[in-house]
Amino acid sequence: MPPVTGRRARTPAAERIDAATTRLAAAGVASPRADAEQLAAFVLGIGRAQLLLVDDLPAPAATRFEALVRRRAAREPLQHLTGIAGFRYLDLLVGPGVFIPRPETESVVGWAIDALRAAGSGGAGGSGGAGAAPVCVDLCAGSGTIALALAGEVPGARVHAVEREPAALAWLRRNVASTGLAVEIHEADVADEPPPSLARLDATVDLVVSNPPYLPDADRATVEPEVGVHDPAAALWGGPDGLRVVRAVVRLAARLLRPGGLLVIEHADGHGESAPALLRADGRWQDVADHPDLGGRDRFVTGRMARPGEGEHR
């Protein structure tokens, strides 16, 4: 009788994943094992944890897996290969032409949701009084990441998503339709003052959130291929200092927010001082603060629209 080793022999499926991991690591992929496993699970139509039960990939799945590994090794984003990006409780449809949601933005959304919940069902003070549904606006909405998270996690929220790029708008509409969440879409440029479709919301909004393009132009030569080649340029670059669109978001938010309403803007990790300084210099914002993401990097700035009679808070 052979000895019991307590270890299962490597299966052909595990060996395929090992080989894919080695190939992806050699190509500079940041998470080669996780990506190889996710691609294997994707071609099999199963959850990643179920790979432990798989002995081998059927021939058609193996062929497809090898093709996807080649594309990932060429630094095509994993989310473009699977067509899905996970974000909080959502699976969003993504592909060429729209910015892929990043984990860093989960901290931004988490802060915004916590602020609304802490203030009660009337939002951040409640433009409609106690019990009123909070009105939220996502500027530079892209695939709808922020807007859909707010709509799904804040009961009764009236959520508006603003996007100008045609390709991103198409993905936004797909995600609103696929999730069935109540989000009103506006095709508009945040640099307009205000975009005509948003004029009716002036001074009524409880929360404005934005993940605008914020990378400084000098970073163009240093970003990973998944970003520089495959994310749309309009979603990335924010001018020489990275704050060109952030300034437009601040101007538009000041029109949309009611007194006491909240503004939350994601920014580059080098903007931990400059983004709050921008809000303070504007003179209309109270309680300005900067916040780190889960990795401890400066990631987003928050402020509250001044109420009548409030002085500037620095």
Foldseek 3Di string as FASTA:
>chain_A
DDDDPVDDDQAQANVLLVVLLVLLVVLVNPRSSVLSLVLLCLLVVHDSVCVVVDRHDPPVSSVLSVVVSVVVSVVADSCQVNQWADDDPDTAGDHFPFDHDDPQCNVLLVVLLVCQVVCAQLGLCHLPPHNAHAEEEEEQCQLNRNQVVCQVRRPRHAYEYEHARPSSVVNNVVRCVVVVGHYHYDHDDLLDQHGVVCLVQFQRHQEYEYAAAFDAPVCLVPDDCNPNVGHDPRRHYQYRRRCNVVLSSVNNCLGRHHQFHKYKYWHDLVCQPVSLVSVLVVFQWEPWHWDAGPVRGTTMIMTTGHDPPDGRHD
